[in-house]
Amino acid sequence: MNKQQLKFIAGAICPKCKALDRIAVTYDDEKIICVSCDFEELKPKNPQEENKIKKL
């Protein structure tokens, strides 16, 4: 099994399980995942969409 390399996002809260500091981004910057639950989301390619996420 090939494990993905992850960069953890300090202070991030999972939108699904509400766990603090468990959100990570893959090194290829394609996915945002929570290591505590099965939450997974593709990272937005559009900078405007990314700004919306930061404001939430």
Protein backbone atom coordinates (compact mmCIF):
# COMPACT_ATOMS: atom_id res chain seq x y z
CA MET A 1 0.00 0.00 0.00
CA ASN A 2 1.38 3.40 -1.00
CA LYS A 3 0.70 6.06 1.65
CA GLN A 4 0.18 9.65 0.56
CA GLN A 5 2.45 12.38 1.88
CA LEU A 6 0.38 14.94 3.78
CA LYS A 7 0.78 18.57 4.88
CA PHE A 8 -1.33 19.31 7.95
CA ILE A 9 -3.21 22.60 8.21
CA ALA A 10 -2.78 24.17 11.66
CA GLY A 11 -6.02 25.28 13.26
CA ALA A 12 -8.25 23.69 10.61
CA ILE A 13 -11.51 22.07 11.74
CA CYS A 14 -13.04 19.18 9.82
CA PRO A 15 -16.48 20.15 8.47
CA LYS A 16 -17.74 16.60 8.99
CA CYS A 17 -16.45 15.40 12.38
CA LYS A 18 -15.40 18.82 13.79
CA ALA A 19 -11.96 17.49 14.81
CA LEU A 20 -9.30 20.19 15.28
CA ASP A 21 -5.90 19.91 13.54
CA ARG A 22 -6.81 16.72 11.65
CA ILE A 23 -7.15 18.29 8.17
CA ALA A 24 -4.32 17.75 5.71
CA VAL A 25 -3.59 18.52 2.07
CA THR A 26 -1.82 16.02 -0.17
CA TYR A 27 1.60 17.13 -1.43
CA ASP A 28 0.26 17.28 -4.97
CA ASP A 29 -2.29 19.81 -3.59
CA GLU A 30 -5.23 17.97 -5.15
CA LYS A 31 -7.10 16.72 -2.08
CA ILE A 32 -8.10 17.98 1.34
CA ILE A 33 -8.64 15.11 3.78
CA CYS A 34 -9.41 14.48 7.45
CA VAL A 35 -7.35 11.77 9.08
CA SER A 36 -10.00 11.23 11.80
CA CYS A 37 -12.97 10.47 9.57
CA ASP A 38 -13.61 9.68 5.91
CA PHE A 39 -13.99 13.34 4.81
CA GLU A 40 -12.26 14.01 1.50
CA GLU A 41 -12.61 16.92 -0.90
CA LEU A 42 -10.87 18.01 -4.08
CA LYS A 43 -9.03 21.28 -3.60
CA PRO A 44 -10.53 24.11 -5.71
CA LYS A 45 -8.50 25.12 -8.76
CA ASN A 46 -10.13 28.56 -8.89
CA PRO A 47 -8.58 31.06 -6.39
CA GLN A 48 -12.00 32.70 -5.84
CA GLU A 49 -13.44 29.37 -4.67
CA GLU A 50 -10.44 28.89 -2.38
CA ASN A 51 -11.09 32.30 -0.79
CA LYS A 52 -14.68 31.23 -0.06
CA ILE A 53 -13.39 28.20 1.83
CA LYS A 54 -10.98 30.32 3.89
CA LYS A 55 -13.82 32.66 4.91
CA LEU A 56 -15.95 29.79 6.24
